[in-house]
C-alpha atoms as a PDB file:
ATOM      1  CA  MET A   1      11.910 -35.449  15.368  1.00  0.00           C
ATOM      2  CA  SER A   2       7.937 -35.871  13.499  1.00  0.00           C
ATOM      3  CA  SER A   3       6.637 -33.194  10.852  1.00  0.00           C
ATOM      4  CA  ASP A   4       3.714 -32.784  13.853  1.00  0.00           C
ATOM      5  CA  GLU A   5       7.063 -31.814  15.981  1.00  0.00           C
ATOM      6  CA  ILE A   6       8.484 -29.524  13.543  1.00  0.00           C
ATOM      7  CA  ARG A   7       5.333 -28.118  12.337  1.00  0.00           C
ATOM      8  CA  ARG A   8       4.485 -26.925  15.999  1.00  0.00           C
ATOM      9  CA  GLU A   9       8.145 -25.809  16.412  1.00  0.00           C
ATOM     10  CA  ALA A  10       8.045 -23.478  12.897  1.00  0.00           C
ATOM     11  CA  ALA A  11       4.536 -21.801  14.940  1.00  0.00           C
ATOM     12  CA  ILE A  12       6.081 -21.287  18.480  1.00  0.00           C
ATOM     13  CA  GLN A  13       8.703 -19.871  16.587  1.00  0.00           C
ATOM     14  CA  ARG A  14       6.468 -17.602  14.362  1.00  0.00           C
ATOM     15  CA  VAL A  15       4.333 -16.929  17.972  1.00  0.00           C
ATOM     16  CA  LYS A  16       7.470 -15.843  19.591  1.00  0.00           C
ATOM     17  CA  ALA A  17       8.344 -13.481  16.367  1.00  0.00           C
ATOM     18  CA  LYS A  18       5.040 -11.336  16.449  1.00  0.00           C
ATOM     19  CA  ARG A  19       5.361 -10.976  20.040  1.00  0.00           C
ATOM     20  CA  ASP A  20       8.492  -9.742  20.002  1.00  0.00           C
ATOM     21  CA  PHE A  21       7.342  -7.490  17.361  1.00  0.00           C
ATOM     22  CA  THR A  22       4.633  -5.843  19.470  1.00  0.00           C
ATOM     23  CA  THR A  23       7.336  -5.411  22.148  1.00  0.00           C
ATOM     24  CA  HIS A  24       9.114  -3.587  18.997  1.00  0.00           C
ATOM     25  CA  VAL A  25       6.338  -1.353  18.612  1.00  0.00           C
ATOM     26  CA  ALA A  26       5.331  -0.178  21.916  1.00  0.00           C
ATOM     27  CA  ALA A  27       8.836   0.908  22.822  1.00  0.00           C
ATOM     28  CA  TYR A  28       9.373   2.530  19.798  1.00  0.00           C
ATOM     29  CA  VAL A  29       5.760   4.224  20.268  1.00  0.00           C
ATOM     30  CA  ILE A  30       6.980   5.612  23.888  1.00  0.00           C
ATOM     31  CA  VAL A  31      10.399   6.170  23.073  1.00  0.00           C
ATOM     32  CA  ASN A  32       9.610   8.466  20.286  1.00  0.00           C
ATOM     33  CA  ALA A  33       6.295   9.747  21.930  1.00  0.00           C
ATOM     34  CA  GLY A  34       9.232  11.121  25.014  1.00  0.00           C
ATOM     35  CA  LEU A  35      11.433  12.329  22.314  1.00  0.00           C
ATOM     36  CA  VAL A  36       8.187  14.433  21.121  1.00  0.00           C
ATOM     37  CA  GLY A  37       7.598  15.633  24.414  1.00  0.00           C
ATOM     38  CA  ILE A  38      11.024  16.837  25.402  1.00  0.00           C
ATOM     39  CA  TRP A  39      11.106  18.303  21.613  1.00  0.00           C
ATOM     40  CA  ALA A  40       8.215  20.704  22.363  1.00  0.00           C
ATOM     41  CA  LEU A  41       8.700  20.965  26.165  1.00  0.00           C
ATOM     42  CA  SER A  42      12.511  22.647  25.175  1.00  0.00           C
ATOM     43  CA  GLY A  43      10.926  25.056  22.449  1.00  0.00           C
ATOM     44  CA  ALA A  44       9.682  23.563  19.346  1.00  0.00           C
ATOM     45  CA  GLY A  45      12.207  24.540  16.971  1.00  0.00           C
ATOM     46  CA  TYR A  46      13.828  22.300  14.606  1.00  0.00           C
ATOM     47  CA  PHE A  47      11.957  18.982  14.418  1.00  0.00           C
ATOM     48  CA  TRP A  48      15.351  16.716  15.501  1.00  0.00           C
ATOM     49  CA  PRO A  49      12.875  14.175  16.744  1.00  0.00           C
ATOM     50  CA  LEU A  50      12.250  12.938  13.319  1.00  0.00           C
ATOM     51  CA  TRP A  51      15.941  11.236  13.056  1.00  0.00           C
ATOM     52  CA  PRO A  52      15.252   8.952  15.226  1.00  0.00           C
ATOM     53  CA  ILE A  53      11.885   8.074  13.895  1.00  0.00           C
ATOM     54  CA  LEU A  54      12.684   7.918  10.641  1.00  0.00           C
ATOM     55  CA  GLY A  55      16.178   5.282  11.705  1.00  0.00           C
ATOM     56  CA  TRP A  56      14.537   3.382  14.596  1.00  0.00           C
ATOM     57  CA  GLY A  57      10.844   2.934  11.296  1.00  0.00           C
ATOM     58  CA  ILE A  58      13.019   1.711   9.228  1.00  0.00           C
ATOM     59  CA  GLY A  59      14.552  -1.116  11.360  1.00  0.00           C
ATOM     60  CA  LEU A  60      10.721  -1.761  12.297  1.00  0.00           C
ATOM     61  CA  ALA A  61       9.750  -1.966   8.767  1.00  0.00           C
ATOM     62  CA  LEU A  62      12.124  -4.620   8.320  1.00  0.00           C
ATOM     63  CA  ASN A  63      11.196  -6.387  11.185  1.00  0.00           C
ATOM     64  CA  ALA A  64       7.299  -6.289  10.554  1.00  0.00           C
ATOM     65  CA  TRP A  65       8.975  -7.588   6.955  1.00  0.00           C
ATOM     66  CA  THR A  66      10.361 -10.367   8.307  1.00  0.00           C
ATOM     67  CA  VAL A  67       7.453 -11.152  10.915  1.00  0.00           C
ATOM     68  CA  PHE A  68       4.646 -11.046   9.069  1.00  0.00           C
ATOM     69  CA  VAL A  69       5.598 -11.224   5.317  1.00  0.00           C
ATOM     70  CA  GLN A  70       8.568 -13.404   4.498  1.00  0.00           C
ATOM     71  CA  ARG A  71       7.830 -16.800   3.649  1.00  0.00           C
ATOM     72  CA  PRO A  72       9.796 -19.102   6.688  1.00  0.00           C
ATOM     73  CA  ILE A  73      12.248 -21.775   4.853  1.00  0.00           C
ATOM     74  CA  THR A  74      10.549 -25.246   3.549  1.00  0.00           C
ATOM     75  CA  GLU A  75      12.160 -28.315   3.089  1.00  0.00           C
ATOM     76  CA  GLU A  76      11.659 -28.330  -0.491  1.00  0.00           C
ATOM     77  CA  ASP A  77      14.008 -24.769  -0.715  1.00  0.00           C
ATOM     78  CA  ILE A  78      16.799 -26.754   1.294  1.00  0.00           C
ATOM     79  CA  ARG A  79      16.633 -29.599  -0.926  1.00  0.00           C
ATOM     80  CA  SER A  80      16.388 -27.318  -4.072  1.00  0.00           C
ATOM     81  CA  GLU A  81      19.317 -25.320  -2.160  1.00  0.00           C
ATOM     82  CA  MET A  82      21.321 -28.634  -1.981  1.00  0.00           C
ATOM     83  CA  ARG A  83      20.658 -29.569  -5.484  1.00  0.00           C
ATOM     84  CA  ARG A  84      22.419 -26.322  -6.489  1.00  0.00           C
ATOM     85  CA  ASP A  85      25.176 -27.351  -4.317  1.00  0.00           C
ATOM     86  CA  GLU A  86      26.160 -30.563  -5.591  1.00  0.00           C
ATOM     87  CA  PRO A  87      29.227 -31.047  -8.685  1.00  0.00           C
ATOM     88  CA  ARG A  88      28.481 -31.231 -11.418  1.00  0.00           C
ATOM     89  CA  ARG A  89      28.825 -35.030 -13.009  1.00  0.00           C
ATOM     90  CA  GLY A  90      31.942 -35.199 -15.868  1.00  0.00           C
ATOM     91  CA  THR A  91      32.466 -31.633 -15.819  1.00  0.00           C
ATOM     92  CA  ASP A  92      35.779 -32.841 -13.652  1.00  0.00           C
END
């Protein structure tokens, strides 16, 4: 596989991850709006939708970190890790 093909495949993976994140955000907003609506229609007492909003929000934040902040694994990262895994010479 050529360098351009590898870069293209990595770009495709990033585009897919961003699209998946957008779908995740849409589901989060729609479902949690529905929960708030149910809460409001049922008397608007204790705000129980807070718990699924916070729990799912943590997952959404971690997904955002992975998609937008975490850098991709590079060949240099792989080579560096392989060097650390080599047996030490003369220590046997």
